[in-house]
Amino acid sequence: MYDKIKILLNHPTYRYIIIGGIGLILILCLGYIFYQPSGTDYQRARESVERIEKQQRESLELNRSSQRSIERGAELSREAATRIERSQDYNRQINDRIGQSQSGLGEARSYLIRNVELYRRIEEQSRERQTDHQEITDATQPIPNTGSGCDNWRSNSLMIER
């Protein structure tokens, strides 16, 4: 076989055809190795980088939006805390007023109880006087005219007649 290859390479026509074929195959292989895969890989890498950059921009925007939401939530929490404190202060004031009102009601109740006791004592004393046969004067009865002083009814009528 070596002899056959040697005979073929000795003829210049076959030699050029074989060298040209080998050269063509090498050129195709080199082109495929350097141009085709690297071009496709470059395009894929470029698209991947663009996609990653786009996702990164979206992620940054989402992070900013989340940060704004967190800040707004914190602000609302602070406002709610101040409102709760005001409400608690208001409730304390109401409880103080209720306590004052209850103490005032207790004081009024003690006055009422004392007044009831006074009225009861007065009625008991009044009954005791009635049982002792004391005369009770009726405030609606006219005071009898004893003859002293002047008669107001006459003096008034005299003034009207003039």
N, C-alpha and C. Protein backbone atom coordinates (compact mmCIF):
# COMPACT_ATOMS: atom_id res chain seq x y z
N MET A 1 0.80 -1.16 0.00
CA MET A 1 0.00 0.00 0.00
C MET A 1 0.86 1.25 0.00
N TYR A 2 1.94 1.17 0.71
CA TYR A 2 2.85 2.28 0.71
C TYR A 2 3.35 2.55 -0.69
N ASP A 3 3.58 1.51 -1.46
CA ASP A 3 4.07 1.67 -2.84
C ASP A 3 3.02 2.36 -3.69
N LYS A 4 1.79 2.04 -3.51
CA LYS A 4 0.73 2.65 -4.32
C LYS A 4 0.64 4.14 -4.00
N ILE A 5 0.75 4.51 -2.72
CA ILE A 5 0.68 5.92 -2.34
C ILE A 5 1.89 6.65 -2.89
N LYS A 6 3.05 6.01 -2.90
CA LYS A 6 4.26 6.61 -3.42
C LYS A 6 4.12 6.85 -4.92
N ILE A 7 3.51 5.91 -5.66
CA ILE A 7 3.32 6.06 -7.10
C ILE A 7 2.35 7.22 -7.37
N LEU A 8 1.30 7.31 -6.59
CA LEU A 8 0.32 8.38 -6.80
C LEU A 8 0.94 9.75 -6.52
N LEU A 9 1.76 9.83 -5.50
CA LEU A 9 2.36 11.11 -5.16
C LEU A 9 3.44 11.51 -6.16
N ASN A 10 4.00 10.56 -6.90
CA ASN A 10 5.01 10.87 -7.90
C ASN A 10 4.39 11.55 -9.11
N HIS A 11 3.20 11.26 -9.44
CA HIS A 11 2.54 11.93 -10.56
C HIS A 11 2.12 13.31 -10.09
N PRO A 12 2.46 14.36 -10.81
CA PRO A 12 2.15 15.72 -10.35
C PRO A 12 0.65 15.99 -10.32
N THR A 13 -0.12 15.43 -11.18
CA THR A 13 -1.55 15.71 -11.22
C THR A 13 -2.22 15.14 -9.97
N TYR A 14 -1.91 13.89 -9.70
CA TYR A 14 -2.51 13.28 -8.50
C TYR A 14 -2.01 13.98 -7.22
N ARG A 15 -0.74 14.38 -7.29
CA ARG A 15 -0.16 15.03 -6.13
C ARG A 15 -0.93 16.32 -5.85
N TYR A 16 -1.21 17.12 -6.88
CA TYR A 16 -1.92 18.39 -6.69
C TYR A 16 -3.35 18.15 -6.23
N ILE A 17 -3.96 17.11 -6.76
CA ILE A 17 -5.35 16.80 -6.37
C ILE A 17 -5.39 16.37 -4.91
N ILE A 18 -4.47 15.54 -4.49
CA ILE A 18 -4.46 15.05 -3.11
C ILE A 18 -4.12 16.20 -2.16
N ILE A 19 -3.11 16.99 -2.50
CA ILE A 19 -2.73 18.12 -1.64
C ILE A 19 -3.86 19.14 -1.60
N GLY A 20 -4.50 19.37 -2.74
CA GLY A 20 -5.63 20.31 -2.78
C GLY A 20 -6.80 19.80 -1.96
N GLY A 21 -7.08 18.48 -2.07
CA GLY A 21 -8.18 17.89 -1.28
C GLY A 21 -7.90 17.99 0.21
N ILE A 22 -6.65 17.68 0.59
CA ILE A 22 -6.27 17.77 2.00
C ILE A 22 -6.35 19.23 2.46
N GLY A 23 -5.88 20.13 1.63
CA GLY A 23 -5.93 21.56 1.96
C GLY A 23 -7.36 22.04 2.11
N LEU A 24 -8.24 21.58 1.18
CA LEU A 24 -9.66 21.97 1.25
C LEU A 24 -10.30 21.44 2.52
N ILE A 25 -9.99 20.21 2.86
CA ILE A 25 -10.54 19.63 4.09
C ILE A 25 -10.02 20.40 5.31
N LEU A 26 -8.74 20.78 5.30
CA LEU A 26 -8.19 21.56 6.42
C LEU A 26 -8.86 22.93 6.52
N ILE A 27 -9.06 23.55 5.37
CA ILE A 27 -9.70 24.88 5.37
C ILE A 27 -11.13 24.78 5.90
N LEU A 28 -11.85 23.75 5.45
CA LEU A 28 -13.23 23.56 5.95
C LEU A 28 -13.23 23.28 7.46
N CYS A 29 -12.32 22.47 7.90
CA CYS A 29 -12.24 22.18 9.34
C CYS A 29 -11.90 23.43 10.13
N LEU A 30 -10.90 24.19 9.64
CA LEU A 30 -10.53 25.42 10.34
C LEU A 30 -11.69 26.43 10.33
N GLY A 31 -12.36 26.53 9.22
CA GLY A 31 -13.51 27.44 9.14
C GLY A 31 -14.61 27.04 10.10
N TYR A 32 -14.85 25.74 10.16
CA TYR A 32 -15.88 25.26 11.07
C TYR A 32 -15.48 25.50 12.52
N ILE A 33 -14.22 25.25 12.83
CA ILE A 33 -13.73 25.40 14.20
C ILE A 33 -13.73 26.87 14.62
N PHE A 34 -13.19 27.73 13.77
CA PHE A 34 -13.03 29.13 14.18
C PHE A 34 -14.24 30.01 13.87
N TYR A 35 -14.89 29.80 12.78
CA TYR A 35 -15.95 30.72 12.38
C TYR A 35 -17.31 30.28 12.86
N GLN A 36 -17.73 29.11 12.51
CA GLN A 36 -19.09 28.67 12.75
C GLN A 36 -19.43 28.56 14.23
N PRO A 37 -18.75 27.74 15.01
CA PRO A 37 -19.14 27.63 16.41
C PRO A 37 -18.91 28.91 17.19
N SER A 38 -17.81 29.59 16.94
CA SER A 38 -17.55 30.81 17.69
C SER A 38 -18.55 31.89 17.32
N GLY A 39 -18.99 31.95 16.11
CA GLY A 39 -19.99 32.93 15.71
C GLY A 39 -21.31 32.64 16.40
N THR A 40 -21.69 31.38 16.43
CA THR A 40 -22.92 31.00 17.11
C THR A 40 -22.79 31.20 18.61
N ASP A 41 -21.66 30.81 19.15
CA ASP A 41 -21.43 30.99 20.58
C ASP A 41 -21.39 32.48 20.93
N TYR A 42 -20.79 33.27 20.09
CA TYR A 42 -20.73 34.71 20.33
C TYR A 42 -22.15 35.28 20.34
N GLN A 43 -22.95 34.87 19.36
CA GLN A 43 -24.32 35.36 19.29
C GLN A 43 -25.12 34.91 20.52
N ARG A 44 -24.95 33.66 20.89
CA ARG A 44 -25.64 33.15 22.08
C ARG A 44 -25.17 33.88 23.33
N ALA A 45 -23.88 34.08 23.43
CA ALA A 45 -23.34 34.79 24.60
C ALA A 45 -23.86 36.22 24.64
N ARG A 46 -23.92 36.86 23.50
CA ARG A 46 -24.42 38.23 23.43
C ARG A 46 -25.89 38.29 23.83
N GLU A 47 -26.69 37.37 23.29
CA GLU A 47 -28.11 37.33 23.66
C GLU A 47 -28.27 37.02 25.14
N SER A 48 -27.44 36.13 25.64
CA SER A 48 -27.50 35.79 27.06
C SER A 48 -27.15 37.00 27.92
N VAL A 49 -26.12 37.74 27.53
CA VAL A 49 -25.72 38.93 28.28
C VAL A 49 -26.84 39.97 28.23
N GLU A 50 -27.45 40.16 27.06
CA GLU A 50 -28.55 41.13 26.95
C GLU A 50 -29.74 40.70 27.81
N ARG A 51 -30.04 39.40 27.79
CA ARG A 51 -31.14 38.88 28.61
C ARG A 51 -30.83 39.07 30.09
N ILE A 52 -29.59 38.81 30.48
CA ILE A 52 -29.19 38.97 31.88
C ILE A 52 -29.27 40.44 32.29
N GLU A 53 -28.82 41.34 31.40
CA GLU A 53 -28.89 42.78 31.70
C GLU A 53 -30.34 43.22 31.86
N LYS A 54 -31.22 42.72 31.00
CA LYS A 54 -32.64 43.06 31.08
C LYS A 54 -33.22 42.56 32.40
N GLN A 55 -32.89 41.32 32.77
CA GLN A 55 -33.37 40.77 34.03
C GLN A 55 -32.82 41.54 35.22
N GLN A 56 -31.57 41.99 35.09
CA GLN A 56 -30.96 42.76 36.16
C GLN A 56 -31.67 44.11 36.31
N ARG A 57 -32.00 44.77 35.18
CA ARG A 57 -32.73 46.03 35.26
C ARG A 57 -34.10 45.82 35.90
N GLU A 58 -34.79 44.74 35.49
CA GLU A 58 -36.09 44.45 36.08
C GLU A 58 -35.96 44.15 37.57
N SER A 59 -34.91 43.43 37.92
CA SER A 59 -34.67 43.11 39.33
C SER A 59 -34.41 44.38 40.14
N LEU A 60 -33.60 45.28 39.58
CA LEU A 60 -33.33 46.54 40.27
C LEU A 60 -34.62 47.35 40.45
N GLU A 61 -35.45 47.39 39.42
CA GLU A 61 -36.71 48.11 39.52
C GLU A 61 -37.62 47.48 40.57
N LEU A 62 -37.67 46.16 40.59
CA LEU A 62 -38.46 45.47 41.61
C LEU A 62 -37.91 45.73 43.01
N ASN A 63 -36.58 45.75 43.12
CA ASN A 63 -35.97 46.05 44.42
C ASN A 63 -36.30 47.46 44.88
N ARG A 64 -36.25 48.41 43.95
CA ARG A 64 -36.60 49.79 44.30
C ARG A 64 -38.06 49.88 44.71
N SER A 65 -38.91 49.21 43.95
CA SER A 65 -40.33 49.21 44.28
C SER A 65 -40.57 48.58 45.65
N SER A 66 -39.87 47.48 45.91
CA SER A 66 -39.99 46.82 47.22
C SER A 66 -39.50 47.74 48.32
N GLN A 67 -38.40 48.43 48.08
CA GLN A 67 -37.86 49.35 49.08
C GLN A 67 -38.84 50.48 49.36
N ARG A 68 -39.45 51.02 48.29
CA ARG A 68 -40.46 52.07 48.49
C ARG A 68 -41.64 51.54 49.29
N SER A 69 -42.06 50.32 48.98
CA SER A 69 -43.17 49.72 49.72
C SER A 69 -42.81 49.52 51.19
N ILE A 70 -41.60 49.08 51.44
CA ILE A 70 -41.15 48.87 52.82
C ILE A 70 -41.10 50.21 53.56
N GLU A 71 -40.58 51.24 52.91
CA GLU A 71 -40.51 52.56 53.54
C GLU A 71 -41.91 53.09 53.82
N ARG A 72 -42.82 52.91 52.88
CA ARG A 72 -44.21 53.36 53.07
C ARG A 72 -44.86 52.58 54.22
N GLY A 73 -44.58 51.28 54.26
CA GLY A 73 -45.11 50.46 55.35
C GLY A 73 -44.57 50.91 56.70
N ALA A 74 -43.29 51.24 56.75
CA ALA A 74 -42.69 51.72 58.00
C ALA A 74 -43.32 53.06 58.41
N GLU A 75 -43.54 53.92 57.43
CA GLU A 75 -44.17 55.22 57.71
C GLU A 75 -45.58 55.02 58.25
N LEU A 76 -46.34 54.13 57.60
CA LEU A 76 -47.70 53.85 58.07
C LEU A 76 -47.68 53.22 59.46
N SER A 77 -46.69 52.41 59.74
CA SER A 77 -46.56 51.80 61.07
C SER A 77 -46.29 52.87 62.12
N ARG A 78 -45.43 53.84 61.78
CA ARG A 78 -45.16 54.93 62.72
C ARG A 78 -46.42 55.75 62.97
N GLU A 79 -47.16 56.04 61.89
CA GLU A 79 -48.40 56.79 62.05
C GLU A 79 -49.40 56.01 62.90
N ALA A 80 -49.49 54.72 62.66
CA ALA A 80 -50.40 53.89 63.44
C ALA A 80 -49.98 53.88 64.91
N ALA A 81 -48.69 53.84 65.16
CA ALA A 81 -48.20 53.85 66.55
C ALA A 81 -48.59 55.15 67.25
N THR A 82 -48.44 56.29 66.56
CA THR A 82 -48.82 57.56 67.18
C THR A 82 -50.33 57.61 67.41
N ARG A 83 -51.10 57.08 66.46
CA ARG A 83 -52.56 57.05 66.65
C ARG A 83 -52.94 56.15 67.82
N ILE A 84 -52.26 55.04 67.95
CA ILE A 84 -52.53 54.13 69.07
C ILE A 84 -52.20 54.82 70.38
N GLU A 85 -51.08 55.54 70.42
CA GLU A 85 -50.70 56.26 71.64
C GLU A 85 -51.74 57.32 71.98
N ARG A 86 -52.21 58.06 70.96
CA ARG A 86 -53.25 59.06 71.21
C ARG A 86 -54.52 58.40 71.71
N SER A 87 -54.87 57.28 71.12
CA SER A 87 -56.06 56.55 71.55
C SER A 87 -55.92 56.07 72.99
N GLN A 88 -54.74 55.59 73.34
CA GLN A 88 -54.51 55.14 74.71
C GLN A 88 -54.60 56.32 75.68
N ASP A 89 -54.04 57.47 75.30
CA ASP A 89 -54.14 58.66 76.14
C ASP A 89 -55.60 59.06 76.31
N TYR A 90 -56.34 59.03 75.21
CA TYR A 90 -57.76 59.38 75.26
C TYR A 90 -58.50 58.40 76.17
N ASN A 91 -58.19 57.11 76.07
CA ASN A 91 -58.83 56.12 76.93
C ASN A 91 -58.48 56.36 78.40
N ARG A 92 -57.23 56.73 78.67
CA ARG A 92 -56.84 57.05 80.05
C ARG A 92 -57.63 58.25 80.57
N GLN A 93 -57.76 59.28 79.73
CA GLN A 93 -58.53 60.46 80.13
C GLN A 93 -59.99 60.08 80.40
N ILE A 94 -60.54 59.24 79.53
CA ILE A 94 -61.93 58.80 79.73
C ILE A 94 -62.04 58.02 81.04
N ASN A 95 -61.08 57.13 81.29
CA ASN A 95 -61.11 56.36 82.54
C ASN A 95 -61.00 57.28 83.75
N ASP A 96 -60.16 58.32 83.65
CA ASP A 96 -60.05 59.29 84.74
C ASP A 96 -61.38 60.01 84.95
N ARG A 97 -62.00 60.42 83.86
CA ARG A 97 -63.30 61.11 83.96
C ARG A 97 -64.37 60.18 84.53
N ILE A 98 -64.33 58.92 84.10
CA ILE A 98 -65.29 57.96 84.65
C ILE A 98 -65.07 57.80 86.14
N GLY A 99 -63.80 57.72 86.54
CA GLY A 99 -63.48 57.61 87.97
C GLY A 99 -63.97 58.83 88.74
N GLN A 100 -63.75 60.03 88.17
CA GLN A 100 -64.23 61.24 88.81
C GLN A 100 -65.75 61.25 88.90
N SER A 101 -66.40 60.84 87.82
CA SER A 101 -67.86 60.78 87.81
C SER A 101 -68.36 59.78 88.84
N GLN A 102 -67.70 58.64 88.94
CA GLN A 102 -68.12 57.64 89.92
C GLN A 102 -67.93 58.14 91.34
N SER A 103 -66.83 58.85 91.57
CA SER A 103 -66.63 59.41 92.91
C SER A 103 -67.68 60.49 93.18
N GLY A 104 -68.01 61.29 92.14
CA GLY A 104 -69.07 62.29 92.29
C GLY A 104 -70.42 61.63 92.55
N LEU A 105 -70.68 60.53 91.87
CA LEU A 105 -71.92 59.80 92.10
C LEU A 105 -71.95 59.20 93.50
N GLY A 106 -70.82 58.71 93.94
CA GLY A 106 -70.74 58.17 95.31
C GLY A 106 -71.00 59.26 96.33
N GLU A 107 -70.43 60.43 96.09
CA GLU A 107 -70.66 61.56 96.99
C GLU A 107 -72.12 61.98 96.97
N ALA A 108 -72.71 62.03 95.77
CA ALA A 108 -74.12 62.38 95.65
C ALA A 108 -74.99 61.33 96.34
N ARG A 109 -74.62 60.08 96.22
CA ARG A 109 -75.37 59.00 96.87
C ARG A 109 -75.31 59.17 98.39
N SER A 110 -74.13 59.52 98.89
CA SER A 110 -74.01 59.71 100.35
C SER A 110 -74.85 60.91 100.79
N TYR A 111 -74.91 61.99 99.97
CA TYR A 111 -75.77 63.13 100.30
C TYR A 111 -77.23 62.71 100.30
N LEU A 112 -77.62 61.91 99.31
CA LEU A 112 -79.01 61.46 99.26
C LEU A 112 -79.35 60.60 100.47
N ILE A 113 -78.45 59.73 100.85
CA ILE A 113 -78.69 58.89 102.02
C ILE A 113 -78.80 59.76 103.27
N ARG A 114 -77.94 60.75 103.37
CA ARG A 114 -77.99 61.66 104.52
C ARG A 114 -79.29 62.46 104.52
N ASN A 115 -79.73 62.91 103.33
CA ASN A 115 -80.99 63.64 103.24
C ASN A 115 -82.17 62.76 103.62
N VAL A 116 -82.14 61.50 103.17
CA VAL A 116 -83.21 60.58 103.55
C VAL A 116 -83.25 60.40 105.06
N GLU A 117 -82.10 60.29 105.67
CA GLU A 117 -82.02 60.17 107.13
C GLU A 117 -82.58 61.43 107.79
N LEU A 118 -82.21 62.59 107.24
CA LEU A 118 -82.73 63.84 107.82
C LEU A 118 -84.24 63.92 107.71
N TYR A 119 -84.78 63.58 106.53
CA TYR A 119 -86.24 63.60 106.35
C TYR A 119 -86.92 62.61 107.30
N ARG A 120 -86.31 61.46 107.47
CA ARG A 120 -86.88 60.45 108.36
C ARG A 120 -86.90 60.97 109.80
N ARG A 121 -85.80 61.59 110.22
CA ARG A 121 -85.74 62.15 111.57
C ARG A 121 -86.77 63.26 111.77
N ILE A 122 -86.87 64.10 110.72
CA ILE A 122 -87.83 65.21 110.81
C ILE A 122 -89.24 64.66 110.92
N GLU A 123 -89.57 63.67 110.14
CA GLU A 123 -90.91 63.07 110.20
C GLU A 123 -91.14 62.41 111.56
N GLU A 124 -90.12 61.74 112.08
CA GLU A 124 -90.26 61.13 113.40
C GLU A 124 -90.49 62.19 114.46
N GLN A 125 -89.74 63.28 114.39
CA GLN A 125 -89.93 64.36 115.36
C GLN A 125 -91.30 64.98 115.21
N SER A 126 -91.76 65.10 113.97
CA SER A 126 -93.09 65.66 113.73
C SER A 126 -94.16 64.75 114.31
N ARG A 127 -94.01 63.47 114.17
CA ARG A 127 -94.98 62.52 114.73
C ARG A 127 -94.94 62.56 116.25
N GLU A 128 -93.75 62.70 116.81
CA GLU A 128 -93.63 62.79 118.26
C GLU A 128 -94.34 64.03 118.78
N ARG A 129 -94.25 65.12 118.08
CA ARG A 129 -94.93 66.36 118.49
C ARG A 129 -96.44 66.19 118.40
N GLN A 130 -96.87 65.49 117.35
CA GLN A 130 -98.31 65.27 117.23
C GLN A 130 -98.81 64.38 118.36
N THR A 131 -98.03 63.42 118.71
CA THR A 131 -98.43 62.54 119.80
C THR A 131 -98.36 63.24 121.15
N ASP A 132 -97.61 64.29 121.29
CA ASP A 132 -97.52 65.06 122.53
C ASP A 132 -98.61 66.11 122.58
N HIS A 133 -99.57 66.12 121.69
CA HIS A 133 -100.70 67.03 121.60
C HIS A 133 -100.29 68.46 121.43
N GLN A 134 -99.32 68.68 120.71
CA GLN A 134 -98.94 70.05 120.42
C GLN A 134 -99.77 70.50 119.23
N GLU A 135 -100.05 71.77 119.23
CA GLU A 135 -100.83 72.30 118.13
C GLU A 135 -99.94 72.47 116.92
N ILE A 136 -100.54 72.09 115.84
CA ILE A 136 -99.81 72.28 114.59
C ILE A 136 -100.46 73.45 113.90
N THR A 137 -99.68 74.42 113.55
CA THR A 137 -100.21 75.58 112.86
C THR A 137 -100.14 75.33 111.38
N ASP A 138 -101.22 75.66 110.75
CA ASP A 138 -101.28 75.47 109.29
C ASP A 138 -100.83 76.77 108.66
N ALA A 139 -99.87 76.71 107.82
CA ALA A 139 -99.31 77.92 107.21
C ALA A 139 -100.28 78.54 106.23
N THR A 140 -101.30 77.82 105.82
CA THR A 140 -102.24 78.38 104.84
C THR A 140 -103.36 79.15 105.52
N GLN A 141 -103.52 79.03 106.83
CA GLN A 141 -104.57 79.74 107.56
C GLN A 141 -104.14 81.18 107.81
N PRO A 142 -105.07 82.11 107.67
CA PRO A 142 -104.70 83.51 107.93
C PRO A 142 -104.47 83.74 109.42
N ILE A 143 -103.63 84.69 109.68
CA ILE A 143 -103.33 85.05 111.06
C ILE A 143 -104.52 85.87 111.56
N PRO A 144 -105.06 85.52 112.70
CA PRO A 144 -106.23 86.27 113.20
C PRO A 144 -105.86 87.73 113.49
N ASN A 145 -106.83 88.64 113.21
CA ASN A 145 -106.63 90.07 113.40
C ASN A 145 -106.81 90.37 114.88
N THR A 146 -105.80 90.85 115.47
CA THR A 146 -105.85 91.14 116.90
C THR A 146 -106.22 92.58 117.15
N GLY A 147 -106.35 93.35 116.11
CA GLY A 147 -106.74 94.73 116.29
C GLY A 147 -105.59 95.67 116.33
N SER A 148 -104.45 95.21 116.41
CA SER A 148 -103.31 96.10 116.42
C SER A 148 -102.77 96.22 115.01
N GLY A 149 -102.19 97.30 114.72
CA GLY A 149 -101.63 97.50 113.40
C GLY A 149 -102.70 97.97 112.45
N CYS A 150 -102.43 97.98 111.23
CA CYS A 150 -103.39 98.46 110.26
C CYS A 150 -103.88 97.31 109.42
N ASP A 151 -105.01 97.53 108.82
CA ASP A 151 -105.59 96.51 107.95
C ASP A 151 -105.12 96.79 106.54
N ASN A 152 -104.32 95.94 106.02
CA ASN A 152 -103.75 96.17 104.69
C ASN A 152 -104.80 96.14 103.61
N TRP A 153 -105.84 95.40 103.86
CA TRP A 153 -106.87 95.31 102.82
C TRP A 153 -107.56 96.65 102.66
N ARG A 154 -107.80 97.32 103.73
CA ARG A 154 -108.47 98.61 103.62
C ARG A 154 -107.57 99.67 103.03
N SER A 155 -106.32 99.71 103.40
CA SER A 155 -105.43 100.73 102.90
C SER A 155 -105.20 100.56 101.41
N ASN A 156 -105.16 99.34 100.95
CA ASN A 156 -104.99 99.11 99.52
C ASN A 156 -106.22 99.55 98.77
N SER A 157 -107.37 99.28 99.32
CA SER A 157 -108.58 99.67 98.62
C SER A 157 -108.72 101.17 98.58
N LEU A 158 -108.26 101.84 99.60
CA LEU A 158 -108.33 103.29 99.61
C LEU A 158 -107.42 103.87 98.54
N MET A 159 -106.31 103.26 98.32
CA MET A 159 -105.38 103.78 97.34
C MET A 159 -105.91 103.55 95.93
N ILE A 160 -106.64 102.51 95.76
CA ILE A 160 -107.17 102.23 94.44
C ILE A 160 -108.28 103.21 94.12
N GLU A 161 -109.07 103.60 95.13
CA GLU A 161 -110.18 104.49 94.90
C GLU A 161 -109.72 105.88 94.53
N ARG A 162 -108.65 106.35 94.94
CA ARG A 162 -108.17 107.69 94.69
C ARG A 162 -107.83 107.84 93.30
